[in-house]
Amino acid sequence: MSTKLYPLRTALIGLSSSGATSWAAAAHLPGLLSEAGRSKFAIKALLNSSVDAANSAIEKYKLPADTKAYGSPEDLAADPDIDLVICNTRVDKHYEVIIPSIRAGKDVFVEWPIAGKKEHIEEIVEAAKQSGSRVAVGLQRRWNPVVSKVRALINGDDVKLGKLLSADARVFGATNDREILPIGLEYFTHKEVGGNVISIGVGHSLDVLLSVIGDVQPSTVQAKTQIQRPDIRIRGSSTNKIIKTVKSDVPDLLSFNAQLQPSPHIADDATLAFFFRRGQPFPGTSSLTWTINFQNGEIRVDSPSKSFFDADPSDDKPITIQVHRFEDDSVEKVEWSWSSEQAALPVPARAVSATLHAFADGRDAGDGWVSLEDAAKRAALIEKLLNA
């Protein structure tokens, strides 16, 4: 893609004018329509469930009049005037809407999870190998400034914490409530769909942690899941009242232990302990906490109100990074910030925009964006945990 001329002719899949969730509108569109975004991307087409639905979204978001409306993934894939396809549909639709464009050799950005079924992920990987399609996966939080700052502390020479001995993480959230879902997320109660609090919530939380401390050894994973609250109340979108109760087959609690892969900065027998529970934590308990223990100190990351690192340092309850040095028992607060370009965007769009720019610039995988092969390995771990 680095050989193509800017702006890249871009198609969006899943920018809906009526959808219950609006990740495409909240996280993708602001960056694409910013001054920096317009210099690299030109929205030339929308693919929705029908041509009429695509036209409705074009009108709602006031996209250029010449934006093409598609209702067929095959028709979009056949368009020679599209360089990049960005997918934001529900996860069980990912495979069917992106596989034609991948087979056509187009560059594709697909939000996480890659697809709802293992066999579909495998087919997507193989199709990309055959066609030469570059595929980036939406694990963009790896480069959020909090994550990057902690990674630099671990890998840098200035802190001199020594080798990493152990890490533990406690995560609460993934949905706003422990036993209520909006009707648009009712599918979170059906494991077969592929999008749920484990695959999405734990998937993102665990991915950013492992991107910092290193991967686990899959053979050492010892996991336990539980469905604590199988009866999920569904809230209507218009009345905001409970309209029904459904049975969930998706775990709402996960805990696991595993050994980390040894590396120059990780001890040979270093371990990870990870705990997740859906919904609100006990009052006064943070939504996300990391504690990373080293030979000569510890790093603690605390997110009081968010289980992801999509936040701003100026929030009422900001995410904090602290380093405890054992030698003098000192505790230092480490500052972090978004870049000026990212800070000009809404918080959900900041990491997405940075990743799209890295992908568009033709950087190597791992330098600002996650490759399909890398994400497929993470998907295999999440599937193992989900079915524990």
Protein backbone atom coordinates (compact mmCIF):
# COMPACT_ATOMS: atom_id res chain seq x y z
CA MET A 1 0.00 0.00 0.00
CA SER A 2 2.92 2.35 0.48
CA THR A 3 3.20 2.60 -3.32
CA LYS A 4 -0.32 3.99 -3.72
CA LEU A 5 -0.97 7.72 -3.99
CA TYR A 6 -2.75 9.62 -1.22
CA PRO A 7 -5.54 9.95 -0.48
CA LEU A 8 -6.34 6.23 -0.46
CA ARG A 9 -9.72 5.52 -2.00
CA THR A 10 -11.53 4.03 0.98
CA ALA A 11 -14.72 2.01 1.49
CA LEU A 12 -16.45 1.66 4.84
CA ILE A 13 -18.46 -1.41 5.77
CA GLY A 14 -20.99 -1.01 8.57
CA LEU A 15 -21.40 2.76 8.87
CA SER A 16 -25.09 2.50 9.68
CA SER A 17 -27.66 5.27 9.94
CA SER A 18 -29.82 3.24 12.32
CA GLY A 19 -27.60 0.68 14.07
CA ALA A 20 -27.83 0.10 17.82
CA THR A 21 -24.08 0.55 18.14
CA SER A 22 -22.04 3.15 16.28
CA TRP A 23 -18.36 2.23 16.52
CA ALA A 24 -17.82 3.20 12.89
CA ALA A 25 -19.32 6.63 13.49
CA ALA A 26 -17.67 7.15 16.89
CA ALA A 27 -14.21 5.67 16.34
CA HIS A 28 -13.50 5.73 12.59
CA LEU A 29 -15.37 8.60 10.97
CA PRO A 30 -13.92 11.47 13.08
CA GLY A 31 -10.36 10.54 12.20
CA LEU A 32 -11.10 9.90 8.54
CA LEU A 33 -12.82 13.28 8.20
CA SER A 34 -10.19 15.25 10.12
CA GLU A 35 -7.71 17.41 8.22
CA ALA A 36 -4.97 14.80 8.68
CA GLY A 37 -7.37 12.01 7.79
CA ARG A 38 -8.54 13.64 4.58
CA SER A 39 -4.93 13.95 3.46
CA LYS A 40 -4.59 10.14 3.55
CA PHE A 41 -8.11 8.77 3.07
CA ALA A 42 -10.98 9.64 0.75
CA ILE A 43 -14.28 7.89 1.50
CA LYS A 44 -15.47 6.68 -1.89
CA ALA A 45 -17.93 3.90 -1.01
CA LEU A 46 -20.16 2.44 1.70
CA LEU A 47 -21.26 -1.18 1.99
CA ASN A 48 -24.30 -1.90 4.14
CA SER A 49 -27.01 -4.55 4.19
CA SER A 50 -28.58 -2.97 1.11
CA VAL A 51 -27.96 -0.15 -1.34
CA ASP A 52 -30.78 1.80 0.31
CA ALA A 53 -29.16 1.38 3.76
CA ALA A 54 -25.85 2.58 2.37
CA ASN A 55 -27.50 5.60 0.74
CA SER A 56 -29.25 6.40 4.02
CA ALA A 57 -25.88 6.45 5.84
CA ILE A 58 -24.31 8.58 3.10
CA GLU A 59 -27.08 11.12 3.59
CA LYS A 60 -27.02 11.01 7.40
CA TYR A 61 -23.27 11.57 7.68
CA LYS A 62 -23.22 14.10 4.82
CA LEU A 63 -20.63 12.21 2.79
CA PRO A 64 -19.79 13.42 -0.73
CA ALA A 65 -22.56 13.00 -3.28
CA ASP A 66 -20.34 10.77 -5.44
CA THR A 67 -19.86 8.20 -2.62
CA LYS A 68 -20.90 4.83 -4.04
CA ALA A 69 -23.55 2.77 -2.24
CA TYR A 70 -23.15 -1.00 -2.18
CA GLY A 71 -25.33 -3.78 -0.81
CA SER A 72 -23.15 -6.65 -1.99
CA PRO A 73 -19.62 -7.52 -0.74
CA GLU A 74 -18.83 -8.99 -4.14
CA ASP A 75 -19.75 -5.76 -5.93
CA LEU A 76 -17.49 -3.76 -3.61
CA ALA A 77 -14.63 -6.21 -4.14
CA ALA A 78 -14.99 -5.82 -7.91
CA ASP A 79 -14.66 -2.02 -7.76
CA PRO A 80 -11.20 -1.17 -9.18
CA ASP A 81 -11.38 2.33 -7.71
CA ILE A 82 -11.15 1.19 -4.07
CA ASP A 83 -7.73 0.80 -2.39
CA LEU A 84 -8.71 0.19 1.24
CA VAL A 85 -11.71 -1.49 2.86
CA ILE A 86 -12.54 -0.81 6.54
CA CYS A 87 -14.93 -3.24 8.25
CA ASN A 88 -17.04 -2.32 11.29
CA THR A 89 -19.93 -4.80 11.14
CA ARG A 90 -21.05 -7.21 13.84
CA VAL A 91 -18.43 -9.93 14.22
CA ASP A 92 -20.53 -12.73 12.71
CA LYS A 93 -20.70 -10.70 9.49
CA HIS A 94 -16.96 -10.01 9.22
CA TYR A 95 -16.11 -13.08 7.17
CA GLU A 96 -18.79 -12.69 4.52
CA VAL A 97 -18.23 -8.97 3.97
CA ILE A 98 -14.41 -8.93 3.81
CA ILE A 99 -13.47 -12.26 2.20
CA PRO A 100 -14.35 -11.07 -1.37
CA SER A 101 -12.15 -7.98 -1.01
CA ILE A 102 -9.30 -10.05 0.45
CA ARG A 103 -9.54 -12.50 -2.43
CA ALA A 104 -9.45 -9.49 -4.77
CA GLY A 105 -6.16 -8.40 -3.20
CA LYS A 106 -7.43 -5.21 -1.61
CA ASP A 107 -6.00 -3.86 1.62
CA VAL A 108 -8.39 -4.44 4.51
CA PHE A 109 -8.74 -3.18 8.07
CA VAL A 110 -11.12 -5.36 10.10
CA GLU A 111 -12.16 -4.61 13.64
CA TRP A 112 -11.50 -7.19 16.36
CA PRO A 113 -12.52 -10.03 16.59
CA ILE A 114 -11.38 -11.15 13.14
CA ALA A 115 -14.40 -13.41 12.62
CA GLY A 116 -16.89 -15.41 14.63
CA LYS A 117 -15.64 -18.90 13.74
CA LYS A 118 -12.21 -20.51 13.84
CA GLU A 119 -12.61 -21.96 10.34
CA HIS A 120 -13.48 -18.52 8.96
CA ILE A 121 -10.35 -16.99 10.53
CA GLU A 122 -8.25 -19.76 8.97
CA GLU A 123 -9.84 -19.16 5.56
CA ILE A 124 -9.25 -15.40 5.81
CA VAL A 125 -5.57 -16.00 6.66
CA GLU A 126 -5.14 -18.39 3.74
CA ALA A 127 -6.99 -16.10 1.29
CA ALA A 128 -4.73 -13.18 2.23
CA LYS A 129 -1.63 -15.32 1.65
CA GLN A 130 -2.91 -16.33 -1.78
CA SER A 131 -3.95 -12.85 -2.95
CA GLY A 132 -1.28 -10.74 -1.26
CA SER A 133 -3.90 -8.68 0.53
CA ARG A 134 -2.55 -6.71 3.50
CA VAL A 135 -4.94 -7.14 6.41
CA ALA A 136 -4.77 -5.15 9.64
CA VAL A 137 -6.85 -6.13 12.68
CA GLY A 138 -8.34 -3.64 15.15
CA LEU A 139 -6.18 -4.30 18.19
CA GLN A 140 -5.13 -0.67 18.08
CA ARG A 141 -5.08 -0.19 21.85
CA ARG A 142 -1.57 -1.69 21.89
CA TRP A 143 -0.33 1.81 21.03
CA ASN A 144 -2.48 3.85 23.39
CA PRO A 145 -0.14 6.20 25.29
CA VAL A 146 -0.62 4.43 28.65
CA VAL A 147 0.34 1.11 27.07
CA SER A 148 3.28 2.58 25.18
CA LYS A 149 4.56 4.29 28.32
CA VAL A 150 4.51 1.08 30.37
CA ARG A 151 6.18 -0.83 27.53
CA ALA A 152 8.93 1.77 27.43
CA LEU A 153 9.43 1.48 31.20
CA ILE A 154 9.85 -2.28 30.94
CA ASN A 155 12.17 -2.24 27.95
CA GLY A 156 14.11 0.91 28.77
CA ASP A 157 17.46 1.17 30.51
CA ASP A 158 16.66 4.20 32.65
CA VAL A 159 14.38 2.56 35.24
CA LYS A 160 16.56 -0.51 35.85
CA LEU A 161 13.79 -2.61 37.35
CA GLY A 162 15.50 -5.86 36.47
CA LYS A 163 13.78 -8.90 35.01
CA LEU A 164 10.02 -9.30 35.12
CA LEU A 165 9.06 -11.97 37.67
CA SER A 166 5.26 -11.93 37.63
CA ALA A 167 2.22 -9.94 36.60
CA ASP A 168 -1.39 -9.88 37.64
CA ALA A 169 -4.39 -8.12 36.16
CA ARG A 170 -7.92 -7.58 37.48
CA VAL A 171 -10.55 -6.39 35.04
CA PHE A 172 -14.21 -5.51 35.57
CA GLY A 173 -16.58 -4.29 32.89
CA ALA A 174 -16.94 -5.13 29.18
CA THR A 175 -20.61 -4.09 29.56
CA ASN A 176 -22.08 -1.27 31.64
CA ASP A 177 -24.13 -3.60 33.81
CA ARG A 178 -23.54 -7.09 35.19
CA GLU A 179 -26.89 -8.53 34.07
CA ILE A 180 -28.53 -6.06 31.67
CA LEU A 181 -27.85 -5.56 27.96
CA PRO A 182 -29.33 -3.12 25.43
CA ILE A 183 -31.32 -4.90 22.75
CA GLY A 184 -28.64 -4.16 20.17
CA LEU A 185 -26.17 -6.27 22.16
CA GLU A 186 -28.48 -9.19 22.87
CA TYR A 187 -26.19 -11.29 20.70
CA PHE A 188 -23.60 -11.07 23.49
CA THR A 189 -25.62 -13.84 25.17
CA HIS A 190 -25.03 -16.29 22.28
CA LYS A 191 -21.54 -17.79 22.13
CA GLU A 192 -22.04 -18.98 18.54
CA VAL A 193 -22.16 -15.38 17.25
CA GLY A 194 -18.52 -14.83 18.25
CA GLY A 195 -18.89 -11.37 19.76
CA ASN A 196 -19.24 -11.27 23.53
CA VAL A 197 -17.63 -10.03 26.75
CA ILE A 198 -14.84 -12.61 26.55
CA SER A 199 -13.93 -12.37 22.87
CA ILE A 200 -14.22 -8.56 22.80
CA GLY A 201 -13.81 -7.32 26.38
CA VAL A 202 -11.18 -9.79 27.58
CA GLY A 203 -9.74 -9.94 24.07
CA HIS A 204 -8.80 -6.27 24.08
CA SER A 205 -7.77 -6.14 27.76
CA LEU A 206 -5.56 -9.20 27.54
CA ASP A 207 -4.08 -8.22 24.19
CA VAL A 208 -2.76 -4.90 25.45
CA LEU A 209 -1.31 -6.52 28.56
CA LEU A 210 0.48 -9.24 26.60
CA SER A 211 1.76 -6.67 24.13
CA VAL A 212 3.55 -5.10 27.10
CA ILE A 213 4.79 -8.06 29.14
CA GLY A 214 5.16 -10.69 26.40
CA ASP A 215 3.08 -13.68 25.36
CA VAL A 216 2.08 -16.63 27.51
CA GLN A 217 3.12 -20.19 26.78
CA PRO A 218 -0.19 -21.73 25.58
CA SER A 219 0.59 -25.18 27.00
CA THR A 220 0.83 -23.72 30.52
CA VAL A 221 -2.59 -21.99 30.53
CA GLN A 222 -4.84 -23.13 33.38
CA ALA A 223 -8.22 -21.42 33.03
CA LYS A 224 -11.67 -21.52 34.62
CA THR A 225 -14.83 -19.81 33.40
CA GLN A 226 -18.19 -19.44 35.06
CA ILE A 227 -21.65 -18.23 34.10
CA GLN A 228 -22.65 -16.49 37.30
CA ARG A 229 -25.71 -14.71 35.93
CA PRO A 230 -27.30 -16.75 33.11
CA ASP A 231 -30.55 -14.76 33.08
CA ILE A 232 -29.87 -11.54 31.21
CA ARG A 233 -32.43 -8.75 31.06
CA ILE A 234 -32.74 -6.96 27.73
CA ARG A 235 -33.47 -3.24 27.65
CA GLY A 236 -35.44 -1.74 24.77
CA SER A 237 -33.90 1.11 22.79
CA SER A 238 -36.97 3.35 22.56
CA THR A 239 -38.50 2.94 26.04
CA ASN A 240 -35.29 2.17 27.96
CA LYS A 241 -37.32 -0.42 29.84
CA ILE A 242 -36.72 -4.16 30.29
CA ILE A 243 -38.59 -5.95 27.51
CA LYS A 244 -37.52 -9.57 28.06
CA THR A 245 -35.13 -11.95 29.79
CA VAL A 246 -32.89 -14.38 27.88
CA LYS A 247 -30.54 -17.21 28.83
CA SER A 248 -26.84 -16.61 28.22
CA ASP A 249 -24.33 -19.34 27.38
CA VAL A 250 -21.39 -16.91 27.53
CA PRO A 251 -19.18 -16.90 30.66
CA ASP A 252 -19.26 -13.71 32.70
CA LEU A 253 -16.24 -14.65 34.82
CA LEU A 254 -12.80 -15.84 33.74
CA SER A 255 -9.64 -16.50 35.68
CA PHE A 256 -6.44 -18.07 34.43
CA ASN A 257 -2.77 -18.53 35.23
CA ALA A 258 0.00 -19.11 32.75
CA GLN A 259 3.75 -18.97 32.37
CA LEU A 260 5.21 -16.19 30.24
CA GLN A 261 7.55 -16.79 27.33
CA PRO A 262 11.13 -16.19 28.53
CA SER A 263 12.93 -13.23 26.99
CA PRO A 264 15.85 -10.93 27.82
CA HIS A 265 13.61 -8.93 30.18
CA ILE A 266 11.47 -11.82 31.51
CA ALA A 267 12.59 -14.43 34.05
CA ASP A 268 12.49 -18.06 32.93
CA ASP A 269 9.61 -18.98 35.25
CA ALA A 270 7.68 -15.67 35.21
CA THR A 271 3.92 -16.04 35.57
CA LEU A 272 0.70 -14.17 34.79
CA ALA A 273 -2.49 -14.25 36.87
CA PHE A 274 -5.54 -12.76 35.10
CA PHE A 275 -9.05 -12.20 36.46
CA PHE A 276 -12.13 -10.82 34.70
CA ARG A 277 -15.69 -10.32 35.88
CA ARG A 278 -18.39 -8.74 33.75
CA GLY A 279 -20.07 -5.55 34.95
CA GLN A 280 -19.50 -3.12 37.77
CA PRO A 281 -16.80 -3.73 40.40
CA PHE A 282 -17.33 -3.26 44.12
CA PRO A 283 -17.77 0.49 44.82
CA GLY A 284 -14.39 2.13 45.14
CA THR A 285 -12.64 -0.70 43.28
CA SER A 286 -10.94 0.16 40.01
CA SER A 287 -12.23 -1.21 36.72
CA LEU A 288 -8.74 -2.28 35.68
CA THR A 289 -5.52 -2.80 37.61
CA TRP A 290 -2.17 -4.15 36.48
CA THR A 291 0.62 -5.00 38.89
CA ILE A 292 3.90 -5.97 37.21
CA ASN A 293 6.58 -7.26 39.58
CA PHE A 294 10.31 -7.06 38.80
CA GLN A 295 13.50 -7.95 40.61
CA ASN A 296 14.05 -4.35 41.73
CA GLY A 297 10.58 -2.81 41.76
CA GLU A 298 6.99 -2.82 40.57
CA ILE A 299 4.83 -1.01 38.06
CA ARG A 300 1.19 -0.41 38.92
CA VAL A 301 -1.36 0.78 36.36
CA ASP A 302 -4.75 1.79 37.73
CA SER A 303 -7.84 2.70 35.71
CA PRO A 304 -10.60 3.69 38.15
CA SER A 305 -13.56 3.90 35.78
CA LYS A 306 -12.66 2.27 32.46
CA SER A 307 -11.72 -1.32 31.63
CA PHE A 308 -9.98 -0.14 28.46
CA PHE A 309 -7.32 2.54 28.06
CA ASP A 310 -9.55 4.82 25.99
CA ALA A 311 -9.30 7.76 28.36
CA ASP A 312 -7.79 11.19 28.82
CA PRO A 313 -5.32 12.32 31.53
CA SER A 314 -7.70 15.20 32.36
CA ASP A 315 -10.60 12.90 33.32
CA ASP A 316 -12.05 13.20 36.82
CA LYS A 317 -10.65 9.75 37.55
CA PRO A 318 -7.55 9.53 35.37
CA ILE A 319 -5.57 6.40 34.61
CA THR A 320 -2.35 6.42 36.61
CA ILE A 321 1.04 4.74 36.19
CA GLN A 322 3.29 4.38 39.23
CA VAL A 323 6.74 2.88 39.67
CA HIS A 324 7.84 1.55 43.08
CA ARG A 325 11.61 1.15 43.43
CA PHE A 326 12.60 -1.30 46.13
CA GLU A 327 16.08 0.14 46.69
CA ASP A 328 14.87 3.36 48.32
CA ASP A 329 11.15 2.47 48.71
CA SER A 330 10.23 5.45 46.51
CA VAL A 331 7.06 5.70 44.44
CA GLU A 332 7.06 7.80 41.27
CA LYS A 333 4.03 8.81 39.23
CA VAL A 334 4.70 8.54 35.50
CA GLU A 335 2.95 11.08 33.28
CA TRP A 336 1.38 10.15 29.95
CA SER A 337 -0.43 12.03 27.20
CA TRP A 338 -1.94 11.70 23.75
CA SER A 339 -0.25 13.35 20.80
CA SER A 340 -1.63 16.76 19.83
CA GLU A 341 -3.12 15.26 16.66
CA GLN A 342 -4.88 12.51 18.61
CA ALA A 343 -6.04 14.87 21.35
CA ALA A 344 -7.99 16.85 18.76
CA LEU A 345 -10.20 13.79 18.13
CA PRO A 346 -12.91 12.21 20.31
CA VAL A 347 -11.33 9.66 22.67
CA PRO A 348 -12.68 6.52 20.89
CA ALA A 349 -11.18 7.71 17.59
CA ARG A 350 -7.65 8.41 18.82
CA ALA A 351 -6.07 4.95 18.76
CA VAL A 352 -8.05 3.90 15.68
CA SER A 353 -6.84 6.92 13.73
CA ALA A 354 -3.21 6.34 14.67
CA THR A 355 -3.39 2.70 13.58
CA LEU A 356 -5.08 3.51 10.28
CA HIS A 357 -2.37 6.08 9.55
CA ALA A 358 0.39 3.57 10.34
CA PHE A 359 -1.25 1.01 8.04
CA ALA A 360 -1.77 3.55 5.27
CA ASP A 361 1.84 4.71 5.51
CA GLY A 362 3.01 1.21 4.65
CA ARG A 363 4.82 0.58 7.92
CA ASP A 364 5.79 -2.96 8.79
CA ALA A 365 3.33 -5.03 10.83
CA GLY A 366 3.92 -4.42 14.52
CA ASP A 367 4.83 -0.78 13.94
CA GLY A 368 1.51 0.81 14.82
CA TRP A 369 -0.78 -1.91 13.47
CA VAL A 370 -1.48 -5.61 14.11
CA SER A 371 -1.15 -8.15 11.33
CA LEU A 372 -3.72 -10.80 10.53
CA GLU A 373 -1.33 -13.60 11.51
CA ASP A 374 -0.53 -11.98 14.85
CA ALA A 375 -4.22 -11.41 15.62
CA ALA A 376 -5.07 -15.00 14.63
CA LYS A 377 -2.70 -16.27 17.32
CA ARG A 378 -4.42 -14.05 19.87
CA ALA A 379 -7.80 -15.33 18.67
CA ALA A 380 -6.68 -18.92 19.30
CA LEU A 381 -5.78 -18.05 22.91
CA ILE A 382 -9.11 -16.28 23.49
CA GLU A 383 -11.01 -19.26 22.09
CA LYS A 384 -9.13 -21.55 24.47
CA LEU A 385 -10.04 -19.34 27.40
CA LEU A 386 -13.67 -18.93 26.32
CA ASN A 387 -14.16 -22.69 26.22
CA ALA A 388 -12.27 -23.48 29.45
